[in-house]
Amino acid sequence: MRHGRSSIIKIVKRHVCLAVLLFAALHPASAAQRYPVSGMIVRVDVAERTMTVSHGPIAGYMDGMVMPFHVRKPEMLAGMQPGMKVDFTLVVEKESSYADDVRVTSGDSVGRDPLQARRLQLLDSLVAGTPVNALAVGQPVPDFQLIDQNRREIRLSQFSGKVVAVTFVYTRCPLPDYCLRLSNNFARLQKRFRDRDLVLLSITFDPKYDQPDVLAAYARTWKADPETWHFLTGPTADLRRVYGSFGVNAFPDEGLFAHSLRTAVIDRQGKLAAIVPGNEFSPQQIGDLVETIIAAPPAR
């Protein structure tokens, strides 16, 4: 009886060992794990082959946060700039990790509906032969002067030494995921960076309607601090020059406006630090981008 039990135990052990070996062969400890990631680039370091990304939760691996990701192929960073939205695959090996298959996904969103989007594309094609003075990241932003909600003359140059975030809205915009979303983003930035050398400029597309009194009422709905968040209007020609600097298009259509969506961040030296196109980013992501620019050491 004891001999029979011993034989059974040996057979069981043999099968267990075979099962362990088979599992190890199919699931080696060194096998790389792959996770899809989406986020916004807040910093690029080509020399170190890293991109710092504000990303959402990575399912099955980690919570959303801001962290640098190494790339093995430096050409993946070609053309990458802060503010761009990216998808990539995080590859985690036994002793290292890296970002693979990095793809830029952000693009200009357009207010209103697909009909307006097509009209804006037509407008772009009509002016394709006209020189476009849109700034590139790293270039100085030309000074401009507009009027804020309290009828004060505001110049960009008066904020030298501070970080300035700029977006473009109009108060009659009816869609919650366009101008209202961009204004909500700025409300969140105001709360996060209170007393942190950040100035917010919301520039109207609709100067005929958005006079200072209208902008003041709109500012109150967002509990805007008039010393750090300015809602700006001015002559149409002046506004168009500012739009053009940031690569923004807009035109009136049946009492409303079709327009592209862009948020810009200007560094302490008055240079364009980032352009964030569209509206498919979170307040956390735009905040992490601003945080990185505020914390950046002064340029030599």
C-alpha atoms as a PDB file:
ATOM      1  CA  MET A   1       0.000   0.000   0.000  1.00  0.00           C
ATOM      2  CA  ARG A   2       2.873   2.353   0.907  1.00  0.00           C
ATOM      3  CA  HIS A   3       4.673   1.444  -2.333  1.00  0.00           C
ATOM      4  CA  GLY A   4       1.564   2.288  -4.359  1.00  0.00           C
ATOM      5  CA  ARG A   5       1.153   5.659  -2.609  1.00  0.00           C
ATOM      6  CA  SER A   6       4.825   6.496  -3.209  1.00  0.00           C
ATOM      7  CA  SER A   7       4.443   5.722  -6.914  1.00  0.00           C
ATOM      8  CA  ILE A   8       1.386   7.945  -7.149  1.00  0.00           C
ATOM      9  CA  ILE A   9       3.254  10.820  -5.443  1.00  0.00           C
ATOM     10  CA  LYS A  10       6.170  10.430  -7.860  1.00  0.00           C
ATOM     11  CA  ILE A  11       3.785  10.484 -10.833  1.00  0.00           C
ATOM     12  CA  VAL A  12       2.019  13.571  -9.492  1.00  0.00           C
ATOM     13  CA  LYS A  13       5.355  15.344  -8.905  1.00  0.00           C
ATOM     14  CA  ARG A  14       6.499  14.436 -12.399  1.00  0.00           C
ATOM     15  CA  HIS A  15       3.344  15.891 -13.902  1.00  0.00           C
ATOM     16  CA  VAL A  16       3.658  19.024 -11.776  1.00  0.00           C
ATOM     17  CA  CYS A  17       7.251  19.529 -12.918  1.00  0.00           C
ATOM     18  CA  LEU A  18       6.225  19.059 -16.533  1.00  0.00           C
ATOM     19  CA  ALA A  19       3.420  21.554 -16.089  1.00  0.00           C
ATOM     20  CA  VAL A  20       5.797  24.107 -14.512  1.00  0.00           C
ATOM     21  CA  LEU A  21       8.313  23.628 -17.317  1.00  0.00           C
ATOM     22  CA  LEU A  22       5.585  23.995 -19.922  1.00  0.00           C
ATOM     23  CA  PHE A  23       4.261  27.183 -18.281  1.00  0.00           C
ATOM     24  CA  ALA A  24       7.803  28.580 -18.045  1.00  0.00           C
ATOM     25  CA  ALA A  25       8.343  27.833 -21.717  1.00  0.00           C
ATOM     26  CA  LEU A  26       5.117  29.565 -22.689  1.00  0.00           C
ATOM     27  CA  HIS A  27       5.492  32.449 -20.195  1.00  0.00           C
ATOM     28  CA  PRO A  28       9.177  33.156 -19.668  1.00  0.00           C
ATOM     29  CA  ALA A  29      10.012  35.549 -16.838  1.00  0.00           C
ATOM     30  CA  SER A  30      11.889  37.750 -19.270  1.00  0.00           C
ATOM     31  CA  ALA A  31       8.978  38.115 -21.709  1.00  0.00           C
ATOM     32  CA  ALA A  32       8.229  41.768 -22.366  1.00  0.00           C
ATOM     33  CA  GLN A  33       4.841  43.120 -21.354  1.00  0.00           C
ATOM     34  CA  ARG A  34       3.168  45.645 -23.672  1.00  0.00           C
ATOM     35  CA  TYR A  35       0.672  48.314 -22.645  1.00  0.00           C
ATOM     36  CA  PRO A  36      -1.156  50.931 -24.774  1.00  0.00           C
ATOM     37  CA  VAL A  37      -0.658  54.515 -23.539  1.00  0.00           C
ATOM     38  CA  SER A  38      -2.227  57.849 -24.513  1.00  0.00           C
ATOM     39  CA  GLY A  39      -1.130  61.249 -23.275  1.00  0.00           C
ATOM     40  CA  MET A  40       0.279  64.704 -23.949  1.00  0.00           C
ATOM     41  CA  ILE A  41       3.970  65.445 -24.391  1.00  0.00           C
ATOM     42  CA  VAL A  42       5.218  68.044 -21.895  1.00  0.00           C
ATOM     43  CA  ARG A  43       8.959  67.797 -22.635  1.00  0.00           C
ATOM     44  CA  VAL A  44      11.258  66.271 -25.250  1.00  0.00           C
ATOM     45  CA  ASP A  45      14.951  65.518 -24.697  1.00  0.00           C
ATOM     46  CA  VAL A  46      16.440  64.244 -27.947  1.00  0.00           C
ATOM     47  CA  ALA A  47      19.935  63.894 -26.469  1.00  0.00           C
ATOM     48  CA  GLU A  48      18.627  61.598 -23.745  1.00  0.00           C
ATOM     49  CA  ARG A  49      16.149  59.905 -26.081  1.00  0.00           C
ATOM     50  CA  THR A  50      13.233  60.617 -23.760  1.00  0.00           C
ATOM     51  CA  MET A  51       9.828  62.217 -23.933  1.00  0.00           C
ATOM     52  CA  THR A  52       8.039  63.268 -20.775  1.00  0.00           C
ATOM     53  CA  VAL A  53       4.314  62.553 -21.033  1.00  0.00           C
ATOM     54  CA  SER A  54       1.276  63.429 -18.957  1.00  0.00           C
ATOM     55  CA  HIS A  55      -0.718  60.237 -19.441  1.00  0.00           C
ATOM     56  CA  GLY A  56      -3.907  58.637 -18.221  1.00  0.00           C
ATOM     57  CA  PRO A  57      -4.129  55.324 -16.322  1.00  0.00           C
ATOM     58  CA  ILE A  58      -2.279  52.453 -17.978  1.00  0.00           C
ATOM     59  CA  ALA A  59      -4.682  49.544 -17.587  1.00  0.00           C
ATOM     60  CA  GLY A  60      -3.235  46.698 -15.564  1.00  0.00           C
ATOM     61  CA  TYR A  61       0.013  48.523 -14.827  1.00  0.00           C
ATOM     62  CA  MET A  62      -0.047  52.007 -13.269  1.00  0.00           C
ATOM     63  CA  ASP A  63      -2.071  55.122 -12.511  1.00  0.00           C
ATOM     64  CA  GLY A  64      -2.001  58.246 -14.636  1.00  0.00           C
ATOM     65  CA  MET A  65       0.936  60.576 -13.936  1.00  0.00           C
ATOM     66  CA  VAL A  66       3.724  62.598 -15.530  1.00  0.00           C
ATOM     67  CA  MET A  67       6.854  60.603 -16.309  1.00  0.00           C
ATOM     68  CA  PRO A  68       9.672  60.310 -18.862  1.00  0.00           C
ATOM     69  CA  PHE A  69       9.659  57.455 -21.362  1.00  0.00           C
ATOM     70  CA  HIS A  70      12.811  56.251 -23.115  1.00  0.00           C
ATOM     71  CA  VAL A  71      12.736  55.489 -26.833  1.00  0.00           C
ATOM     72  CA  ARG A  72      15.197  53.137 -28.509  1.00  0.00           C
ATOM     73  CA  LYS A  73      14.791  54.719 -31.916  1.00  0.00           C
ATOM     74  CA  PRO A  74      15.666  58.433 -31.738  1.00  0.00           C
ATOM     75  CA  GLU A  75      13.898  59.065 -35.034  1.00  0.00           C
ATOM     76  CA  MET A  76      10.623  58.515 -33.137  1.00  0.00           C
ATOM     77  CA  LEU A  77      11.222  61.904 -31.486  1.00  0.00           C
ATOM     78  CA  ALA A  78      11.674  63.735 -34.776  1.00  0.00           C
ATOM     79  CA  GLY A  79       9.213  66.623 -34.911  1.00  0.00           C
ATOM     80  CA  MET A  80       7.863  65.931 -31.420  1.00  0.00           C
ATOM     81  CA  GLN A  81       7.001  69.063 -29.438  1.00  0.00           C
ATOM     82  CA  PRO A  82       5.370  69.896 -26.097  1.00  0.00           C
ATOM     83  CA  GLY A  83       1.601  70.005 -26.403  1.00  0.00           C
ATOM     84  CA  MET A  84       1.333  67.180 -28.925  1.00  0.00           C
ATOM     85  CA  LYS A  85      -1.000  64.316 -28.092  1.00  0.00           C
ATOM     86  CA  VAL A  86       0.516  60.872 -28.643  1.00  0.00           C
ATOM     87  CA  ASP A  87      -0.357  57.200 -28.534  1.00  0.00           C
ATOM     88  CA  PHE A  88       2.374  54.643 -28.012  1.00  0.00           C
ATOM     89  CA  THR A  89       3.115  51.183 -26.663  1.00  0.00           C
ATOM     90  CA  LEU A  90       4.965  50.914 -23.357  1.00  0.00           C
ATOM     91  CA  VAL A  91       7.219  47.864 -23.484  1.00  0.00           C
ATOM     92  CA  VAL A  92       8.280  46.615 -20.042  1.00  0.00           C
ATOM     93  CA  GLU A  93      11.132  44.112 -19.905  1.00  0.00           C
ATOM     94  CA  LYS A  94      12.772  42.479 -16.898  1.00  0.00           C
ATOM     95  CA  GLU A  95      15.269  45.277 -16.294  1.00  0.00           C
ATOM     96  CA  SER A  96      14.180  48.105 -18.572  1.00  0.00           C
ATOM     97  CA  SER A  97      11.269  49.753 -20.367  1.00  0.00           C
ATOM     98  CA  TYR A  98      10.790  51.895 -23.454  1.00  0.00           C
ATOM     99  CA  ALA A  99       8.143  53.544 -25.642  1.00  0.00           C
ATOM    100  CA  ASP A 100       7.557  51.953 -29.016  1.00  0.00           C
ATOM    101  CA  ASP A 101       5.381  52.821 -32.029  1.00  0.00           C
ATOM    102  CA  VAL A 102       4.968  56.467 -31.002  1.00  0.00           C
ATOM    103  CA  ARG A 103       2.229  58.193 -33.012  1.00  0.00           C
ATOM    104  CA  VAL A 104       1.091  61.820 -32.914  1.00  0.00           C
ATOM    105  CA  THR A 105      -2.707  61.849 -32.732  1.00  0.00           C
ATOM    106  CA  SER A 106      -3.618  65.478 -32.040  1.00  0.00           C
ATOM    107  CA  GLY A 107      -4.920  67.763 -34.753  1.00  0.00           C
ATOM    108  CA  ASP A 108      -6.942  70.901 -35.009  1.00  0.00           C
ATOM    109  CA  SER A 109     -10.536  70.411 -33.995  1.00  0.00           C
ATOM    110  CA  VAL A 110     -13.070  72.798 -35.457  1.00  0.00           C
ATOM    111  CA  GLY A 111     -15.958  74.465 -33.673  1.00  0.00           C
ATOM    112  CA  ARG A 112     -19.555  73.700 -34.595  1.00  0.00           C
ATOM    113  CA  ASP A 113     -20.224  70.732 -36.896  1.00  0.00           C
ATOM    114  CA  PRO A 114     -18.688  68.802 -39.837  1.00  0.00           C
ATOM    115  CA  LEU A 115     -20.171  71.287 -42.310  1.00  0.00           C
ATOM    116  CA  GLN A 116     -18.172  74.063 -40.677  1.00  0.00           C
ATOM    117  CA  ALA A 117     -15.102  71.842 -40.667  1.00  0.00           C
ATOM    118  CA  ARG A 118     -15.392  71.420 -44.423  1.00  0.00           C
ATOM    119  CA  ARG A 119     -15.943  75.164 -44.865  1.00  0.00           C
ATOM    120  CA  LEU A 120     -12.802  75.893 -42.856  1.00  0.00           C
ATOM    121  CA  GLN A 121     -10.826  73.454 -44.994  1.00  0.00           C
ATOM    122  CA  LEU A 122     -12.121  75.307 -48.055  1.00  0.00           C
ATOM    123  CA  LEU A 123     -11.053  78.608 -46.524  1.00  0.00           C
ATOM    124  CA  ASP A 124      -7.589  77.189 -45.878  1.00  0.00           C
ATOM    125  CA  SER A 125      -7.318  76.067 -49.493  1.00  0.00           C
ATOM    126  CA  LEU A 126      -8.378  79.505 -50.753  1.00  0.00           C
ATOM    127  CA  VAL A 127      -5.598  81.228 -48.818  1.00  0.00           C
ATOM    128  CA  ALA A 128      -2.995  78.537 -49.401  1.00  0.00           C
ATOM    129  CA  GLY A 129      -0.983  80.859 -51.601  1.00  0.00           C
ATOM    130  CA  THR A 130      -0.888  83.647 -49.009  1.00  0.00           C
ATOM    131  CA  PRO A 131       2.113  83.779 -46.669  1.00  0.00           C
ATOM    132  CA  VAL A 132       1.179  82.485 -43.228  1.00  0.00           C
ATOM    133  CA  ASN A 133       2.978  84.087 -40.309  1.00  0.00           C
ATOM    134  CA  ALA A 134       2.225  81.339 -37.794  1.00  0.00           C
ATOM    135  CA  LEU A 135       5.008  81.048 -35.253  1.00  0.00           C
ATOM    136  CA  ALA A 136       7.076  77.943 -34.720  1.00  0.00           C
ATOM    137  CA  VAL A 137       7.822  76.684 -31.227  1.00  0.00           C
ATOM    138  CA  GLY A 138      10.888  78.504 -29.924  1.00  0.00           C
ATOM    139  CA  GLN A 139      10.258  81.762 -31.775  1.00  0.00           C
ATOM    140  CA  PRO A 140       9.627  85.055 -29.941  1.00  0.00           C
ATOM    141  CA  VAL A 141       5.960  86.043 -29.879  1.00  0.00           C
ATOM    142  CA  PRO A 142       5.416  89.534 -31.336  1.00  0.00           C
ATOM    143  CA  ASP A 143       4.011  92.039 -28.886  1.00  0.00           C
ATOM    144  CA  PHE A 144       0.347  92.973 -29.205  1.00  0.00           C
ATOM    145  CA  GLN A 145      -2.076  95.287 -27.450  1.00  0.00           C
ATOM    146  CA  LEU A 146      -5.773  94.580 -26.812  1.00  0.00           C
ATOM    147  CA  ILE A 147      -8.510  95.637 -24.345  1.00  0.00           C
ATOM    148  CA  ASP A 148      -9.588  93.436 -21.429  1.00  0.00           C
ATOM    149  CA  GLN A 149     -12.924  92.979 -19.655  1.00  0.00           C
ATOM    150  CA  ASN A 150     -12.218  95.984 -17.416  1.00  0.00           C
ATOM    151  CA  ARG A 151     -11.403  98.225 -20.403  1.00  0.00           C
ATOM    152  CA  ARG A 152      -7.706  98.227 -19.593  1.00  0.00           C
ATOM    153  CA  GLU A 153      -5.097  98.232 -22.330  1.00  0.00           C
ATOM    154  CA  ILE A 154      -3.187  94.976 -22.069  1.00  0.00           C
ATOM    155  CA  ARG A 155       0.143  94.361 -23.797  1.00  0.00           C
ATOM    156  CA  LEU A 156       1.770  90.957 -24.002  1.00  0.00           C
ATOM    157  CA  SER A 157       5.132  92.530 -23.166  1.00  0.00           C
ATOM    158  CA  GLN A 158       3.919  93.628 -19.725  1.00  0.00           C
ATOM    159  CA  PHE A 159       4.020  89.976 -18.633  1.00  0.00           C
ATOM    160  CA  SER A 160       7.726  89.526 -19.328  1.00  0.00           C
ATOM    161  CA  GLY A 161       9.184  87.103 -16.792  1.00  0.00           C
ATOM    162  CA  LYS A 162       5.906  85.212 -16.422  1.00  0.00           C
ATOM    163  CA  VAL A 163       4.444  82.242 -18.271  1.00  0.00           C
ATOM    164  CA  VAL A 164       1.431  83.168 -20.410  1.00  0.00           C
ATOM    165  CA  ALA A 165      -1.259  80.769 -21.657  1.00  0.00           C
ATOM    166  CA  VAL A 166      -3.398  81.954 -24.580  1.00  0.00           C
ATOM    167  CA  THR A 167      -6.586  80.543 -26.024  1.00  0.00           C
ATOM    168  CA  PHE A 168      -9.316  81.771 -28.380  1.00  0.00           C
ATOM    169  CA  VAL A 169     -13.056  81.728 -27.647  1.00  0.00           C
ATOM    170  CA  TYR A 170     -16.248  83.707 -28.114  1.00  0.00           C
ATOM    171  CA  THR A 171     -18.993  84.131 -25.537  1.00  0.00           C
ATOM    172  CA  ARG A 172     -21.906  83.030 -27.770  1.00  0.00           C
ATOM    173  CA  CYS A 173     -20.306  79.674 -28.580  1.00  0.00           C
ATOM    174  CA  PRO A 174     -23.083  77.166 -27.763  1.00  0.00           C
ATOM    175  CA  LEU A 175     -21.139  73.894 -27.643  1.00  0.00           C
ATOM    176  CA  PRO A 176     -19.931  72.542 -24.282  1.00  0.00           C
ATOM    177  CA  ASP A 177     -16.948  70.755 -25.822  1.00  0.00           C
ATOM    178  CA  TYR A 178     -15.500  73.770 -27.659  1.00  0.00           C
ATOM    179  CA  CYS A 179     -15.146  77.302 -26.260  1.00  0.00           C
ATOM    180  CA  LEU A 180     -16.722  76.303 -22.956  1.00  0.00           C
ATOM    181  CA  ARG A 181     -14.262  73.439 -22.576  1.00  0.00           C
ATOM    182  CA  LEU A 182     -11.300  75.707 -23.296  1.00  0.00           C
ATOM    183  CA  SER A 183     -12.573  78.247 -20.756  1.00  0.00           C
ATOM    184  CA  ASN A 184     -13.061  75.488 -18.205  1.00  0.00           C
ATOM    185  CA  ASN A 185      -9.471  74.398 -18.800  1.00  0.00           C
ATOM    186  CA  PHE A 186      -8.326  77.926 -17.979  1.00  0.00           C
ATOM    187  CA  ALA A 187     -10.512  78.006 -14.861  1.00  0.00           C
ATOM    188  CA  ARG A 188      -8.725  74.851 -13.708  1.00  0.00           C
ATOM    189  CA  LEU A 189      -5.341  76.379 -14.532  1.00  0.00           C
ATOM    190  CA  GLN A 190      -6.239  79.493 -12.539  1.00  0.00           C
ATOM    191  CA  LYS A 191      -7.031  77.349  -9.504  1.00  0.00           C
ATOM    192  CA  ARG A 192      -3.952  75.134  -9.838  1.00  0.00           C
ATOM    193  CA  PHE A 193      -1.443  77.934 -10.430  1.00  0.00           C
ATOM    194  CA  ARG A 194      -2.754  80.693  -8.229  1.00  0.00           C
ATOM    195  CA  ASP A 195       0.203  82.906  -7.218  1.00  0.00           C
ATOM    196  CA  ARG A 196       2.525  80.917  -9.523  1.00  0.00           C
ATOM    197  CA  ASP A 197       3.528  83.504 -12.186  1.00  0.00           C
ATOM    198  CA  LEU A 198       0.937  82.320 -14.713  1.00  0.00           C
ATOM    199  CA  VAL A 199      -1.143  84.750 -16.785  1.00  0.00           C
ATOM    200  CA  LEU A 200      -4.189  83.629 -18.794  1.00  0.00           C
ATOM    201  CA  LEU A 201      -5.383  85.390 -21.959  1.00  0.00           C
ATOM    202  CA  SER A 202      -8.721  84.435 -23.562  1.00  0.00           C
ATOM    203  CA  ILE A 203      -9.028  86.267 -26.890  1.00  0.00           C
ATOM    204  CA  THR A 204     -12.399  86.632 -28.603  1.00  0.00           C
ATOM    205  CA  PHE A 205     -13.243  85.768 -32.204  1.00  0.00           C
ATOM    206  CA  ASP A 206     -16.290  88.043 -32.029  1.00  0.00           C
ATOM    207  CA  PRO A 207     -15.251  91.648 -31.249  1.00  0.00           C
ATOM    208  CA  LYS A 208     -18.519  93.126 -32.550  1.00  0.00           C
ATOM    209  CA  TYR A 209     -20.522  91.334 -29.845  1.00  0.00           C
ATOM    210  CA  ASP A 210     -17.841  90.614 -27.245  1.00  0.00           C
ATOM    211  CA  GLN A 211     -17.369  94.130 -25.940  1.00  0.00           C
ATOM    212  CA  PRO A 212     -15.745  94.605 -22.506  1.00  0.00           C
ATOM    213  CA  ASP A 213     -19.053  94.533 -20.610  1.00  0.00           C
ATOM    214  CA  VAL A 214     -19.999  91.222 -22.233  1.00  0.00           C
ATOM    215  CA  LEU A 215     -16.551  89.813 -21.525  1.00  0.00           C
ATOM    216  CA  ALA A 216     -16.775  90.994 -17.913  1.00  0.00           C
ATOM    217  CA  ALA A 217     -20.035  89.083 -17.419  1.00  0.00           C
ATOM    218  CA  TYR A 218     -18.497  86.011 -19.067  1.00  0.00           C
ATOM    219  CA  ALA A 219     -15.424  86.325 -16.844  1.00  0.00           C
ATOM    220  CA  ARG A 220     -17.614  86.379 -13.743  1.00  0.00           C
ATOM    221  CA  THR A 221     -19.178  83.037 -14.710  1.00  0.00           C
ATOM    222  CA  TRP A 222     -15.674  81.524 -14.522  1.00  0.00           C
ATOM    223  CA  LYS A 223     -14.749  83.407 -11.324  1.00  0.00           C
ATOM    224  CA  ALA A 224     -11.810  84.873 -13.185  1.00  0.00           C
ATOM    225  CA  ASP A 225      -9.243  86.888 -11.241  1.00  0.00           C
ATOM    226  CA  PRO A 226      -9.028  90.089 -13.325  1.00  0.00           C
ATOM    227  CA  GLU A 227      -5.353  90.531 -12.411  1.00  0.00           C
ATOM    228  CA  THR A 228      -4.253  87.203 -13.878  1.00  0.00           C
ATOM    229  CA  TRP A 229      -6.986  86.163 -16.338  1.00  0.00           C
ATOM    230  CA  HIS A 230      -7.748  88.693 -19.070  1.00  0.00           C
ATOM    231  CA  PHE A 231     -10.570  88.331 -21.616  1.00  0.00           C
ATOM    232  CA  LEU A 232      -9.436  90.383 -24.590  1.00  0.00           C
ATOM    233  CA  THR A 233     -11.056  92.148 -27.513  1.00  0.00           C
ATOM    234  CA  GLY A 234     -10.032  94.885 -29.918  1.00  0.00           C
ATOM    235  CA  PRO A 235     -10.119  95.974 -33.568  1.00  0.00           C
ATOM    236  CA  THR A 236     -10.715  93.093 -35.965  1.00  0.00           C
ATOM    237  CA  ALA A 237      -7.456  93.702 -37.821  1.00  0.00           C
ATOM    238  CA  ASP A 238      -5.461  93.540 -34.573  1.00  0.00           C
ATOM    239  CA  LEU A 239      -7.203  90.348 -33.517  1.00  0.00           C
ATOM    240  CA  ARG A 240      -6.535  88.717 -36.867  1.00  0.00           C
ATOM    241  CA  ARG A 241      -2.834  89.461 -36.546  1.00  0.00           C
ATOM    242  CA  VAL A 242      -2.819  87.715 -33.183  1.00  0.00           C
ATOM    243  CA  TYR A 243      -4.777  84.731 -34.560  1.00  0.00           C
ATOM    244  CA  GLY A 244      -2.313  84.431 -37.406  1.00  0.00           C
ATOM    245  CA  SER A 245       0.652  84.382 -35.038  1.00  0.00           C
ATOM    246  CA  PHE A 246      -0.722  81.236 -33.443  1.00  0.00           C
ATOM    247  CA  GLY A 247      -1.958  79.579 -36.635  1.00  0.00           C
ATOM    248  CA  VAL A 248      -5.650  80.047 -35.809  1.00  0.00           C
ATOM    249  CA  ASN A 249      -8.392  80.422 -38.459  1.00  0.00           C
ATOM    250  CA  ALA A 250     -11.894  81.767 -37.898  1.00  0.00           C
ATOM    251  CA  PHE A 251     -14.735  83.166 -39.969  1.00  0.00           C
ATOM    252  CA  PRO A 252     -18.348  84.190 -39.254  1.00  0.00           C
ATOM    253  CA  ASP A 253     -21.129  81.880 -40.334  1.00  0.00           C
ATOM    254  CA  GLU A 254     -24.846  82.581 -39.792  1.00  0.00           C
ATOM    255  CA  GLY A 255     -24.281  84.658 -36.671  1.00  0.00           C
ATOM    256  CA  LEU A 256     -21.801  82.232 -35.126  1.00  0.00           C
ATOM    257  CA  PHE A 257     -18.168  81.397 -35.877  1.00  0.00           C
ATOM    258  CA  ALA A 258     -16.395  78.435 -37.357  1.00  0.00           C
ATOM    259  CA  HIS A 259     -12.900  78.347 -35.951  1.00  0.00           C
ATOM    260  CA  SER A 260      -9.945  76.166 -35.234  1.00  0.00           C
ATOM    261  CA  LEU A 261      -9.040  75.436 -31.624  1.00  0.00           C
ATOM    262  CA  ARG A 262      -5.600  76.109 -30.247  1.00  0.00           C
ATOM    263  CA  THR A 263      -4.070  76.797 -26.867  1.00  0.00           C
ATOM    264  CA  ALA A 264      -0.605  78.348 -26.745  1.00  0.00           C
ATOM    265  CA  VAL A 265       1.887  78.639 -23.905  1.00  0.00           C
ATOM    266  CA  ILE A 266       4.544  81.372 -23.908  1.00  0.00           C
ATOM    267  CA  ASP A 267       7.604  81.019 -21.690  1.00  0.00           C
ATOM    268  CA  ARG A 268       9.171  83.582 -19.361  1.00  0.00           C
ATOM    269  CA  GLN A 269      11.411  84.866 -22.164  1.00  0.00           C
ATOM    270  CA  GLY A 270       8.429  85.629 -24.402  1.00  0.00           C
ATOM    271  CA  LYS A 271       9.025  82.684 -26.736  1.00  0.00           C
ATOM    272  CA  LEU A 272       6.373  80.251 -27.924  1.00  0.00           C
ATOM    273  CA  ALA A 273       6.921  77.168 -25.755  1.00  0.00           C
ATOM    274  CA  ALA A 274       4.028  74.997 -26.961  1.00  0.00           C
ATOM    275  CA  ILE A 275       0.982  74.897 -29.203  1.00  0.00           C
ATOM    276  CA  VAL A 276      -1.791  72.500 -28.199  1.00  0.00           C
ATOM    277  CA  PRO A 277      -4.228  71.961 -31.077  1.00  0.00           C
ATOM    278  CA  GLY A 278      -7.822  70.851 -30.701  1.00  0.00           C
ATOM    279  CA  ASN A 279      -9.802  70.130 -27.562  1.00  0.00           C
ATOM    280  CA  GLU A 280      -9.047  66.455 -26.914  1.00  0.00           C
ATOM    281  CA  PHE A 281      -6.904  66.946 -23.837  1.00  0.00           C
ATOM    282  CA  SER A 282      -7.661  67.093 -20.149  1.00  0.00           C
ATOM    283  CA  PRO A 283      -7.218  70.000 -17.715  1.00  0.00           C
ATOM    284  CA  GLN A 284      -4.646  67.813 -15.945  1.00  0.00           C
ATOM    285  CA  GLN A 285      -2.602  67.452 -19.120  1.00  0.00           C
ATOM    286  CA  ILE A 286      -2.566  71.140 -20.016  1.00  0.00           C
ATOM    287  CA  GLY A 287      -1.718  71.844 -16.375  1.00  0.00           C
ATOM    288  CA  ASP A 288       1.207  69.427 -16.451  1.00  0.00           C
ATOM    289  CA  LEU A 289       2.468  71.132 -19.610  1.00  0.00           C
ATOM    290  CA  VAL A 290       2.281  74.554 -17.931  1.00  0.00           C
ATOM    291  CA  GLU A 291       3.977  73.142 -14.824  1.00  0.00           C
ATOM    292  CA  THR A 292       6.912  71.973 -16.918  1.00  0.00           C
ATOM    293  CA  ILE A 293       7.279  75.373 -18.610  1.00  0.00           C
ATOM    294  CA  ILE A 294       7.043  77.266 -15.297  1.00  0.00           C
ATOM    295  CA  ALA A 295       9.711  75.025 -13.791  1.00  0.00           C
ATOM    296  CA  ALA A 296      12.077  75.256 -16.763  1.00  0.00           C
ATOM    297  CA  PRO A 297      15.427  76.944 -15.967  1.00  0.00           C
ATOM    298  CA  PRO A 298      16.047  80.352 -17.612  1.00  0.00           C
ATOM    299  CA  ALA A 299      17.531  80.114 -21.088  1.00  0.00           C
ATOM    300  CA  ARG A 300      21.227  81.009 -21.282  1.00  0.00           C
END
